[in-house]
Protein backbone atom coordinates (compact mmCIF):
# COMPACT_ATOMS: atom_id res chain seq x y z
CA MET A 1 -15.64 25.25 -51.51
CA GLY A 2 -12.01 24.13 -51.96
CA GLY A 3 -10.86 23.01 -48.47
CA HIS A 4 -14.15 22.59 -46.61
CA ARG A 5 -15.65 19.22 -45.78
CA ARG A 6 -19.24 18.69 -44.92
CA ALA A 7 -19.92 16.79 -41.72
CA GLY A 8 -20.92 13.20 -42.31
CA THR A 9 -19.25 12.76 -45.69
CA VAL A 10 -16.13 10.87 -46.74
CA ARG A 11 -14.18 11.71 -49.90
CA PRO A 12 -12.23 9.03 -51.73
CA GLU A 13 -8.42 9.19 -52.09
CA GLY A 14 -7.17 11.77 -54.52
CA GLY A 15 -8.51 14.97 -53.00
CA PRO A 16 -11.59 17.07 -53.54
CA GLY A 17 -13.51 16.34 -56.68
CA ALA A 18 -11.19 13.52 -57.85
CA ALA A 19 -14.05 11.07 -58.36
CA GLY A 20 -16.76 13.71 -58.60
CA SER A 21 -19.94 13.53 -56.60
CA ALA A 22 -20.34 9.83 -57.37
CA GLY A 23 -17.44 8.97 -55.02
CA THR A 24 -18.92 10.71 -51.97
CA LYS A 25 -20.22 8.34 -49.27
CA ARG A 26 -22.54 9.36 -46.48
CA ILE A 27 -21.73 7.99 -43.00
CA LEU A 28 -24.80 7.34 -40.91
CA PRO A 29 -24.80 7.01 -37.13
CA PRO A 30 -25.68 3.57 -35.76
CA SER A 31 -29.40 3.08 -35.42
CA PRO A 32 -30.79 3.08 -31.89
CA PRO A 33 -32.04 -0.20 -30.42
CA ARG A 34 -35.66 -0.98 -31.15
CA LEU A 35 -37.86 -0.99 -28.08
CA PHE A 36 -41.21 -1.42 -29.78
CA ARG A 37 -42.43 -3.71 -32.47
CA GLN A 38 -43.79 -2.23 -35.70
CA ARG A 39 -47.55 -1.68 -35.66
CA ARG A 40 -49.47 -3.30 -38.48
CA GLU A 41 -51.87 -1.07 -40.40
CA GLU A 42 -54.95 -3.06 -39.37
CA GLU A 43 -54.10 -2.82 -35.62
CA PRO A 44 -55.91 -0.10 -33.69
CA LEU A 45 -53.78 2.45 -31.87
CA PRO A 46 -53.25 1.55 -28.17
CA VAL A 47 -54.93 4.76 -27.04
CA GLU A 48 -58.22 5.44 -25.30
CA VAL A 49 -60.02 8.62 -26.24
CA THR A 50 -61.34 10.59 -23.25
CA GLY A 51 -62.93 13.88 -24.20
CA ALA A 52 -60.34 15.99 -25.97
CA MET A 53 -57.43 14.17 -24.34
CA ARG A 54 -55.95 10.94 -25.68
CA LEU A 55 -54.53 8.69 -22.97
CA PRO A 56 -52.40 5.59 -23.56
CA SER A 57 -54.02 2.32 -22.63
CA ALA A 58 -52.80 0.26 -19.68
CA ALA A 59 -51.40 -2.33 -22.11
CA ALA A 60 -49.38 0.36 -23.92
CA LEU A 61 -48.00 1.67 -20.65
CA MET A 62 -47.00 -1.83 -19.55
CA THR A 63 -45.22 -2.32 -22.87
CA VAL A 64 -43.17 0.82 -22.25
CA VAL A 65 -42.37 -0.19 -18.66
CA ARG A 66 -41.30 -3.70 -19.67
CA ALA A 67 -39.15 -2.37 -22.50
CA ALA A 68 -37.44 0.14 -20.21
CA ALA A 69 -36.83 -2.44 -17.50
CA GLY A 70 -35.30 -4.90 -19.92
CA GLY A 71 -32.95 -2.61 -21.74
CA GLY A 72 -30.53 -0.08 -20.40
CA VAL A 73 -31.83 0.14 -16.85
CA ARG A 74 -29.24 -1.11 -14.37
CA ARG A 75 -30.54 -3.16 -11.49
CA CYS A 76 -28.77 -4.51 -8.45
CA ARG A 77 -28.09 -8.22 -8.53
CA GLU A 78 -28.63 -10.59 -5.67
CA PRO A 79 -25.34 -11.62 -4.03
CA PRO A 80 -24.16 -15.15 -4.83
CA ALA A 81 -25.28 -17.88 -2.47
CA GLY A 82 -23.08 -18.07 0.62
CA ALA A 83 -21.53 -14.64 0.07
CA ARG A 84 -20.75 -12.67 3.23
CA ILE A 85 -22.40 -9.30 3.31
CA PRO A 86 -20.79 -6.88 5.78
CA ALA A 87 -23.16 -5.45 8.35
CA VAL A 88 -23.76 -1.71 8.26
CA ARG A 89 -24.40 0.03 11.54
CA ARG A 90 -26.65 3.04 11.28
CA SER A 91 -27.45 5.42 14.04
CA SER A 92 -31.09 6.39 14.10
CA ALA A 93 -30.47 9.25 16.52
CA SER A 94 -28.99 12.51 15.32
CA PRO A 95 -26.01 13.80 17.29
CA GLN A 96 -26.99 15.57 20.49
CA ALA A 97 -25.18 18.48 22.06
CA VAL A 98 -23.30 17.71 25.27
CA ILE A 99 -23.36 19.97 28.30
CA ALA A 100 -20.18 22.04 28.16
CA ALA A 101 -20.86 23.95 31.39
CA LYS A 102 -23.65 24.17 33.96
CA GLU A 103 -23.56 27.96 33.93
CA PRO A 104 -23.47 30.64 31.18
CA PHE A 105 -20.34 32.39 29.91
CA PRO A 106 -20.09 36.19 30.36
CA VAL A 107 -18.79 37.67 27.09
CA GLU A 108 -18.07 41.14 25.71
CA LEU A 109 -19.37 41.27 22.10
CA LYS A 110 -18.32 43.89 19.55
CA ALA A 111 -20.82 45.32 17.07
CA GLY A 112 -20.36 44.16 13.46
CA ARG A 113 -18.04 41.26 14.32
CA THR A 114 -19.24 37.74 13.45
CA TYR A 115 -19.05 35.10 16.18
CA ALA A 116 -19.51 31.32 15.96
CA TRP A 117 -21.22 29.97 19.10
CA CYS A 118 -20.47 26.30 19.79
CA SER A 119 -23.74 24.38 19.61
CA CYS A 120 -22.30 20.87 20.15
CA GLY A 121 -20.51 21.40 23.48
CA HIS A 122 -17.25 19.73 22.37
CA SER A 123 -15.23 22.91 21.72
CA LYS A 124 -12.25 23.58 23.94
CA ARG A 125 -12.75 27.34 23.38
CA GLN A 126 -16.23 27.56 24.96
CA PRO A 127 -18.56 29.26 24.30
CA PHE A 128 -17.11 29.64 20.79
CA CYS A 129 -16.55 26.99 18.12
CA ASP A 130 -13.11 25.48 17.45
CA GLY A 131 -14.26 22.94 14.83
CA ALA A 132 -14.52 19.98 17.23
CA HIS A 133 -18.04 19.23 15.92
CA LYS A 134 -16.55 17.95 12.66
CA MET A 135 -15.30 14.81 14.43
CA ALA A 136 -17.35 14.65 17.64
CA ALA A 137 -20.80 15.66 16.34
CA PRO A 138 -20.81 15.79 12.53
CA GLY A 139 -24.54 16.57 12.30
CA LEU A 140 -24.21 19.79 14.30
CA SER A 141 -22.71 23.11 13.26
CA PRO A 142 -21.97 26.37 15.07
CA LEU A 143 -24.46 29.21 15.23
CA ARG A 144 -22.96 32.23 13.52
CA PHE A 145 -24.25 35.62 14.64
CA THR A 146 -23.29 39.30 14.36
CA PRO A 147 -24.41 41.67 17.14
CA GLU A 148 -25.67 45.10 16.06
CA GLU A 149 -24.20 46.90 19.09
CA ASP A 150 -21.42 46.39 21.65
CA ALA A 151 -22.78 44.51 24.64
CA ARG A 152 -21.92 42.34 27.61
CA VAL A 153 -24.05 39.19 27.33
CA TRP A 154 -24.39 35.73 28.86
CA LEU A 155 -23.86 32.99 26.25
CA CYS A 156 -25.35 29.58 27.00
CA GLY A 157 -22.96 26.91 28.29
CA CYS A 158 -25.41 24.03 28.73
CA LYS A 159 -26.48 24.11 25.03
CA ARG A 160 -30.14 23.59 26.03
CA THR A 161 -31.29 27.21 25.68
CA ARG A 162 -34.43 28.06 23.75
CA THR A 163 -32.87 31.40 22.70
CA PRO A 164 -29.47 30.42 21.27
CA PRO A 165 -26.79 31.65 21.68
CA TYR A 166 -28.05 33.58 24.71
CA CYS A 167 -28.70 32.00 28.11
CA ASP A 168 -32.37 31.71 29.11
CA GLY A 169 -31.84 30.06 32.51
CA THR A 170 -32.40 26.46 31.35
CA HIS A 171 -29.13 25.48 33.10
CA LYS A 172 -30.88 25.97 36.47
CA GLY A 173 -33.17 22.98 35.86
CA GLU A 174 -32.64 19.48 37.26
CA ALA A 175 -31.99 18.02 33.78
CA VAL A 176 -28.82 20.10 33.43
CA GLN A 177 -27.70 20.32 37.06
CA GLY A 178 -28.05 16.54 37.55
CA ALA A 179 -26.27 15.62 34.31
CA PRO A 180 -22.58 14.64 34.33
CA LEU A 181 -20.07 16.85 32.54
CA LEU A 182 -17.69 15.32 30.03
CA PRO A 183 -14.09 15.31 31.30
CA ARG A 184 -11.98 18.04 29.67
CA PRO A 185 -8.43 17.08 28.68
């Protein structure tokens, strides 16, 4: 009782009990802003009764919406007249993989080891990822896979396979064979 203070109370100068309980003031938090007007007793409640469920009337809902829109909800303002708004260029197309090679890569894979197959075509360590997609094709990411057994496989170089990361022969088609390769530095 001696050194404890109750939350929300203020004691006058002179220490505990100096002025008795008459000197204790209660501090109240500020009252929240009023969003609704007080309803008069003779006014009916703005509620429609439907079966066992009471639904608010359209007028009551509009009152809530208007009150919320007017207070506390931040809205964007229109720019001042004559203000220059910078143009934003958006690309509607997602990044596409480029053809890294027109033939598959023969690779010896070890069981249990995780590999990251380049799916964008920009890696300088084909057919594996070197992180080039982060700058060249930010929407693409490598395909990570872990073989269950040691094997010699053909990994896709054209990036058009329907069975990634393995070659399915798509590179033999005219779409890949007729396409230009990006120059490699």
